[in-house]
PDB file of N, CA and C in Angstrom:
ATOM      1  N   UNK A   1     -66.560 150.232 -46.963  1.00  0.00           N
ATOM      2  CA  UNK A   1     -66.535 150.713 -48.106  1.00  0.00           C
ATOM      3  C   UNK A   1     -65.124 150.554 -49.116  1.00  0.00           C
ATOM      4  N   UNK A   2     -64.263 151.150 -48.320  1.00  0.00           N
ATOM      5  CA  UNK A   2     -62.783 151.001 -48.853  1.00  0.00           C
ATOM      6  C   UNK A   2     -62.473 149.497 -48.871  1.00  0.00           C
ATOM      7  N   UNK A   3     -62.801 148.700 -47.733  1.00  0.00           N
ATOM      8  CA  UNK A   3     -62.575 147.312 -47.359  1.00  0.00           C
ATOM      9  C   UNK A   3     -63.083 146.379 -48.668  1.00  0.00           C
ATOM     10  N   UNK A   4     -64.251 146.591 -48.932  1.00  0.00           N
ATOM     11  CA  UNK A   4     -64.979 146.269 -50.157  1.00  0.00           C
ATOM     12  C   UNK A   4     -64.230 146.433 -51.461  1.00  0.00           C
ATOM     13  N   UNK A   5     -63.919 147.532 -51.504  1.00  0.00           N
ATOM     14  CA  UNK A   5     -63.195 147.472 -52.876  1.00  0.00           C
ATOM     15  C   UNK A   5     -61.815 146.962 -52.724  1.00  0.00           C
ATOM     16  N   UNK A   6     -60.968 147.047 -51.715  1.00  0.00           N
ATOM     17  CA  UNK A   6     -59.909 146.219 -51.565  1.00  0.00           C
ATOM     18  C   UNK A   6     -60.169 144.844 -51.873  1.00  0.00           C
ATOM     19  N   UNK A   7     -61.042 144.369 -51.417  1.00  0.00           N
ATOM     20  CA  UNK A   7     -61.670 142.879 -51.415  1.00  0.00           C
ATOM     21  C   UNK A   7     -61.750 142.492 -52.872  1.00  0.00           C
ATOM     22  N   UNK A   8     -62.490 143.365 -53.577  1.00  0.00           N
ATOM     23  CA  UNK A   8     -62.467 143.113 -55.231  1.00  0.00           C
ATOM     24  C   UNK A   8     -61.585 143.285 -55.649  1.00  0.00           C
ATOM     25  N   UNK A   9     -60.547 144.059 -55.281  1.00  0.00           N
ATOM     26  CA  UNK A   9     -59.531 144.242 -56.410  1.00  0.00           C
ATOM     27  C   UNK A   9     -58.481 142.964 -56.140  1.00  0.00           C
ATOM     28  N   UNK A  10     -58.418 142.513 -54.753  1.00  0.00           N
ATOM     29  CA  UNK A  10     -57.770 141.134 -54.536  1.00  0.00           C
ATOM     30  C   UNK A  10     -58.523 140.290 -55.257  1.00  0.00           C
ATOM     31  N   UNK A  11     -59.712 139.808 -55.382  1.00  0.00           N
ATOM     32  CA  UNK A  11     -60.153 138.747 -56.011  1.00  0.00           C
ATOM     33  C   UNK A  11     -60.263 138.795 -57.646  1.00  0.00           C
ATOM     34  N   UNK A  12     -60.075 139.864 -57.895  1.00  0.00           N
ATOM     35  CA  UNK A  12     -59.594 140.232 -59.450  1.00  0.00           C
ATOM     36  C   UNK A  12     -58.449 139.647 -59.772  1.00  0.00           C
ATOM     37  N   UNK A  13     -57.342 140.259 -59.007  1.00  0.00           N
ATOM     38  CA  UNK A  13     -55.964 139.955 -59.287  1.00  0.00           C
ATOM     39  C   UNK A  13     -55.978 138.419 -59.242  1.00  0.00           C
ATOM     40  N   UNK A  14     -56.589 137.691 -58.058  1.00  0.00           N
ATOM     41  CA  UNK A  14     -56.278 136.263 -57.811  1.00  0.00           C
ATOM     42  C   UNK A  14     -56.999 135.693 -59.253  1.00  0.00           C
ATOM     43  N   UNK A  15     -57.843 135.961 -60.058  1.00  0.00           N
ATOM     44  CA  UNK A  15     -58.509 135.307 -61.053  1.00  0.00           C
ATOM     45  C   UNK A  15     -57.571 135.681 -62.088  1.00  0.00           C
ATOM     46  N   UNK A  16     -56.952 136.734 -62.214  1.00  0.00           N
ATOM     47  CA  UNK A  16     -56.170 136.946 -63.389  1.00  0.00           C
ATOM     48  C   UNK A  16     -54.801 136.261 -63.116  1.00  0.00           C
ATOM     49  N   UNK A  17     -54.318 136.143 -62.012  1.00  0.00           N
ATOM     50  CA  UNK A  17     -53.095 135.329 -61.658  1.00  0.00           C
ATOM     51  C   UNK A  17     -53.459 133.859 -62.149  1.00  0.00           C
ATOM     52  N   UNK A  18     -54.665 133.387 -61.696  1.00  0.00           N
ATOM     53  CA  UNK A  18     -54.867 131.849 -62.436  1.00  0.00           C
ATOM     54  C   UNK A  18     -55.298 131.953 -63.912  1.00  0.00           C
ATOM     55  N   UNK A  19     -55.667 133.190 -64.377  1.00  0.00           N
ATOM     56  CA  UNK A  19     -55.869 132.729 -65.974  1.00  0.00           C
ATOM     57  C   UNK A  19     -54.594 133.022 -66.320  1.00  0.00           C
ATOM     58  N   UNK A  20     -53.827 133.708 -66.077  1.00  0.00           N
ATOM     59  CA  UNK A  20     -52.503 133.829 -66.794  1.00  0.00           C
ATOM     60  C   UNK A  20     -51.710 132.532 -66.604  1.00  0.00           C
ATOM     61  N   UNK A  21     -51.796 131.568 -65.418  1.00  0.00           N
ATOM     62  CA  UNK A  21     -51.076 130.453 -65.118  1.00  0.00           C
ATOM     63  C   UNK A  21     -51.563 129.298 -66.137  1.00  0.00           C
ATOM     64  N   UNK A  22     -52.877 129.380 -66.600  1.00  0.00           N
ATOM     65  CA  UNK A  22     -53.687 128.672 -67.396  1.00  0.00           C
ATOM     66  C   UNK A  22     -53.147 128.914 -68.955  1.00  0.00           C
ATOM     67  N   UNK A  23     -53.229 130.359 -69.418  1.00  0.00           N
ATOM     68  CA  UNK A  23     -52.644 130.508 -70.581  1.00  0.00           C
ATOM     69  C   UNK A  23     -51.054 130.133 -70.639  1.00  0.00           C
ATOM     70  N   UNK A  24     -50.302 130.314 -69.979  1.00  0.00           N
ATOM     71  CA  UNK A  24     -48.937 129.643 -70.070  1.00  0.00           C
ATOM     72  C   UNK A  24     -49.115 128.197 -70.251  1.00  0.00           C
ATOM     73  N   UNK A  25     -49.673 127.449 -69.614  1.00  0.00           N
ATOM     74  CA  UNK A  25     -49.871 126.152 -69.835  1.00  0.00           C
ATOM     75  C   UNK A  25     -50.358 125.762 -71.135  1.00  0.00           C
ATOM     76  N   UNK A  26     -51.102 126.577 -71.904  1.00  0.00           N
ATOM     77  CA  UNK A  26     -51.664 126.132 -73.048  1.00  0.00           C
ATOM     78  C   UNK A  26     -50.558 126.722 -74.010  1.00  0.00           C
ATOM     79  N   UNK A  27     -49.672 127.902 -73.759  1.00  0.00           N
ATOM     80  CA  UNK A  27     -48.829 128.113 -74.791  1.00  0.00           C
ATOM     81  C   UNK A  27     -47.900 127.166 -74.707  1.00  0.00           C
ATOM     82  N   UNK A  28     -47.454 126.676 -73.477  1.00  0.00           N
ATOM     83  CA  UNK A  28     -46.262 125.672 -73.649  1.00  0.00           C
ATOM     84  C   UNK A  28     -46.925 124.550 -74.288  1.00  0.00           C
ATOM     85  N   UNK A  29     -48.020 124.014 -73.920  1.00  0.00           N
ATOM     86  CA  UNK A  29     -48.714 122.934 -74.752  1.00  0.00           C
ATOM     87  C   UNK A  29     -48.541 123.036 -76.295  1.00  0.00           C
ATOM     88  N   UNK A  30     -48.999 124.222 -76.724  1.00  0.00           N
ATOM     89  CA  UNK A  30     -48.921 124.353 -78.003  1.00  0.00           C
ATOM     90  C   UNK A  30     -47.444 124.491 -78.971  1.00  0.00           C
ATOM     91  N   UNK A  31     -46.377 124.900 -77.748  1.00  0.00           N
ATOM     92  CA  UNK A  31     -45.321 124.966 -78.383  1.00  0.00           C
ATOM     93  C   UNK A  31     -44.590 123.360 -78.370  1.00  0.00           C
ATOM     94  N   UNK A  32     -44.796 122.635 -77.579  1.00  0.00           N
ATOM     95  CA  UNK A  32     -44.611 121.026 -77.519  1.00  0.00           C
ATOM     96  C   UNK A  32     -45.042 120.516 -78.745  1.00  0.00           C
ATOM     97  N   UNK A  33     -46.389 120.908 -79.150  1.00  0.00           N
ATOM     98  CA  UNK A  33     -46.872 120.196 -80.341  1.00  0.00           C
ATOM     99  C   UNK A  33     -46.416 120.960 -81.295  1.00  0.00           C
ATOM    100  N   UNK A  34     -46.078 122.136 -81.703  1.00  0.00           N
ATOM    101  CA  UNK A  34     -45.355 122.712 -82.916  1.00  0.00           C
ATOM    102  C   UNK A  34     -43.871 122.061 -83.105  1.00  0.00           C
ATOM    103  N   UNK A  35     -43.375 122.108 -81.864  1.00  0.00           N
ATOM    104  CA  UNK A  35     -41.915 121.341 -82.241  1.00  0.00           C
ATOM    105  C   UNK A  35     -41.761 119.906 -82.708  1.00  0.00           C
ATOM    106  N   UNK A  36     -42.998 119.180 -82.298  1.00  0.00           N
ATOM    107  CA  UNK A  36     -43.485 117.638 -82.864  1.00  0.00           C
ATOM    108  C   UNK A  36     -43.544 117.834 -84.169  1.00  0.00           C
ATOM    109  N   UNK A  37     -44.379 118.978 -84.826  1.00  0.00           N
ATOM    110  CA  UNK A  37     -44.687 118.903 -86.042  1.00  0.00           C
ATOM    111  C   UNK A  37     -43.811 119.274 -87.093  1.00  0.00           C
ATOM    112  N   UNK A  38     -42.948 120.205 -86.655  1.00  0.00           N
ATOM    113  CA  UNK A  38     -41.856 120.414 -87.129  1.00  0.00           C
ATOM    114  C   UNK A  38     -40.822 119.447 -87.475  1.00  0.00           C
ATOM    115  N   UNK A  39     -40.707 118.408 -86.569  1.00  0.00           N
ATOM    116  CA  UNK A  39     -39.643 117.576 -86.625  1.00  0.00           C
ATOM    117  C   UNK A  39     -40.385 116.582 -87.432  1.00  0.00           C
ATOM    118  N   UNK A  40     -41.767 116.255 -87.121  1.00  0.00           N
ATOM    119  CA  UNK A  40     -42.221 115.358 -88.562  1.00  0.00           C
ATOM    120  C   UNK A  40     -42.317 115.899 -89.769  1.00  0.00           C
ATOM    121  N   UNK A  41     -42.403 117.168 -90.133  1.00  0.00           N
ATOM    122  CA  UNK A  41     -42.152 117.729 -91.450  1.00  0.00           C
ATOM    123  C   UNK A  41     -40.525 117.766 -92.050  1.00  0.00           C
ATOM    124  N   UNK A  42     -39.785 117.679 -91.034  1.00  0.00           N
ATOM    125  CA  UNK A  42     -38.619 117.614 -91.538  1.00  0.00           C
ATOM    126  C   UNK A  42     -38.112 116.259 -91.694  1.00  0.00           C
ATOM    127  N   UNK A  43     -38.792 115.327 -91.296  1.00  0.00           N
ATOM    128  CA  UNK A  43     -38.574 113.972 -91.273  1.00  0.00           C
ATOM    129  C   UNK A  43     -39.245 113.591 -92.836  1.00  0.00           C
ATOM    130  N   UNK A  44     -40.120 113.787 -93.119  1.00  0.00           N
ATOM    131  CA  UNK A  44     -41.195 113.807 -94.298  1.00  0.00           C
ATOM    132  C   UNK A  44     -40.375 114.484 -95.299  1.00  0.00           C
ATOM    133  N   UNK A  45     -39.821 115.735 -95.416  1.00  0.00           N
ATOM    134  CA  UNK A  45     -38.981 116.198 -96.298  1.00  0.00           C
ATOM    135  C   UNK A  45     -38.033 115.323 -96.668  1.00  0.00           C
ATOM    136  N   UNK A  46     -37.146 114.962 -95.752  1.00  0.00           N
ATOM    137  CA  UNK A  46     -36.053 113.984 -95.994  1.00  0.00           C
ATOM    138  C   UNK A  46     -36.329 112.880 -96.699  1.00  0.00           C
ATOM    139  N   UNK A  47     -37.409 112.432 -96.112  1.00  0.00           N
ATOM    140  CA  UNK A  47     -38.085 110.954 -96.870  1.00  0.00           C
ATOM    141  C   UNK A  47     -38.406 111.416 -98.582  1.00  0.00           C
ATOM    142  N   UNK A  48     -38.965 112.208 -98.578  1.00  0.00           N
ATOM    143  CA  UNK A  48     -39.522 112.772-100.191  1.00  0.00           C
ATOM    144  C   UNK A  48     -38.152 113.049-100.775  1.00  0.00           C
ATOM    145  N   UNK A  49     -37.343 113.635-100.465  1.00  0.00           N
ATOM    146  CA  UNK A  49     -36.059 113.894-101.148  1.00  0.00           C
ATOM    147  C   UNK A  49     -35.487 112.632-101.578  1.00  0.00           C
ATOM    148  N   UNK A  50     -35.105 111.393-100.623  1.00  0.00           N
ATOM    149  CA  UNK A  50     -34.599 110.382-100.592  1.00  0.00           C
ATOM    150  C   UNK A  50     -35.359 109.582-101.912  1.00  0.00           C
ATOM    151  N   UNK A  51     -36.707 109.653-101.586  1.00  0.00           N
ATOM    152  CA  UNK A  51     -37.579 109.255-102.843  1.00  0.00           C
ATOM    153  C   UNK A  51     -37.195 109.760-104.325  1.00  0.00           C
ATOM    154  N   UNK A  52     -37.117 111.085-104.264  1.00  0.00           N
ATOM    155  CA  UNK A  52     -36.902 111.715-105.519  1.00  0.00           C
ATOM    156  C   UNK A  52     -35.684 111.356-106.121  1.00  0.00           C
ATOM    157  N   UNK A  53     -34.718 111.091-105.078  1.00  0.00           N
ATOM    158  CA  UNK A  53     -33.155 111.053-105.575  1.00  0.00           C
ATOM    159  C   UNK A  53     -33.340 109.499-106.260  1.00  0.00           C
ATOM    160  N   UNK A  54     -34.097 108.662-105.592  1.00  0.00           N
ATOM    161  CA  UNK A  54     -33.989 107.253-105.824  1.00  0.00           C
ATOM    162  C   UNK A  54     -34.687 107.061-107.601  1.00  0.00           C
ATOM    163  N   UNK A  55     -34.916 107.978-107.713  1.00  0.00           N
ATOM    164  CA  UNK A  55     -35.674 107.820-109.547  1.00  0.00           C
ATOM    165  C   UNK A  55     -36.850 106.962-109.666  1.00  0.00           C
ATOM    166  N   UNK A  56     -37.071 106.823-110.841  1.00  0.00           N
ATOM    167  CA  UNK A  56     -38.247 105.982-111.025  1.00  0.00           C
ATOM    168  C   UNK A  56     -38.199 104.501-110.725  1.00  0.00           C
ATOM    169  N   UNK A  57     -37.397 103.858-110.644  1.00  0.00           N
ATOM    170  CA  UNK A  57     -36.897 102.565-110.652  1.00  0.00           C
ATOM    171  C   UNK A  57     -36.549 102.219-109.097  1.00  0.00           C
ATOM    172  N   UNK A  58     -36.487 103.191-107.951  1.00  0.00           N
ATOM    173  CA  UNK A  58     -36.491 102.823-106.446  1.00  0.00           C
ATOM    174  C   UNK A  58     -34.882 102.596-106.521  1.00  0.00           C
ATOM    175  N   UNK A  59     -33.896 102.964-107.409  1.00  0.00           N
ATOM    176  CA  UNK A  59     -32.639 103.127-106.790  1.00  0.00           C
ATOM    177  C   UNK A  59     -32.204 104.504-106.992  1.00  0.00           C
ATOM    178  N   UNK A  60     -30.933 104.730-106.386  1.00  0.00           N
ATOM    179  CA  UNK A  60     -30.301 105.990-106.490  1.00  0.00           C
ATOM    180  C   UNK A  60     -30.052 106.376-107.965  1.00  0.00           C
ATOM    181  N   UNK A  61     -30.294 107.517-108.365  1.00  0.00           N
ATOM    182  CA  UNK A  61     -29.958 108.024-109.879  1.00  0.00           C
ATOM    183  C   UNK A  61     -28.362 107.672-110.124  1.00  0.00           C
ATOM    184  N   UNK A  62     -27.513 108.084-109.376  1.00  0.00           N
ATOM    185  CA  UNK A  62     -25.999 108.077-109.470  1.00  0.00           C
ATOM    186  C   UNK A  62     -25.638 106.680-109.264  1.00  0.00           C
ATOM    187  N   UNK A  63     -26.393 105.492-108.946  1.00  0.00           N
ATOM    188  CA  UNK A  63     -25.813 104.217-108.492  1.00  0.00           C
ATOM    189  C   UNK A  63     -25.488 103.662-109.610  1.00  0.00           C
ATOM    190  N   UNK A  64     -24.645 102.726-109.620  1.00  0.00           N
ATOM    191  CA  UNK A  64     -24.379 101.952-110.885  1.00  0.00           C
ATOM    192  C   UNK A  64     -25.047 100.856-110.884  1.00  0.00           C
ATOM    193  N   UNK A  65     -25.228 100.196-111.854  1.00  0.00           N
ATOM    194  CA  UNK A  65     -25.973  98.992-112.091  1.00  0.00           C
ATOM    195  C   UNK A  65     -25.527  98.053-111.667  1.00  0.00           C
ATOM    196  N   UNK A  66     -26.183  96.741-111.269  1.00  0.00           N
ATOM    197  CA  UNK A  66     -25.310  95.762-110.623  1.00  0.00           C
ATOM    198  C   UNK A  66     -24.328  94.896-111.577  1.00  0.00           C
ATOM    199  N   UNK A  67     -24.739  95.044-112.858  1.00  0.00           N
ATOM    200  CA  UNK A  67     -23.912  94.144-113.705  1.00  0.00           C
ATOM    201  C   UNK A  67     -22.436  95.154-114.173  1.00  0.00           C
ATOM    202  N   UNK A  68     -22.230  96.116-113.488  1.00  0.00           N
ATOM    203  CA  UNK A  68     -20.865  97.018-113.731  1.00  0.00           C
ATOM    204  C   UNK A  68     -19.873  96.704-112.727  1.00  0.00           C
TER     205      UNK A  68
END
């Protein structure tokens, strides 16, 4: 009886260890995706800011016109 209970506990611990390992993999993958998305957002933010600074004609607002 005690041996059966001990075996059941060992089996449950083994399943829990496997589950923790799988969850760690998922968390790692999600963090990688999050890092990538943050980098993409930063790039898009810089791009949008540069477009906003360029003004409606596509050149920088503070840029001197070519005839000066």
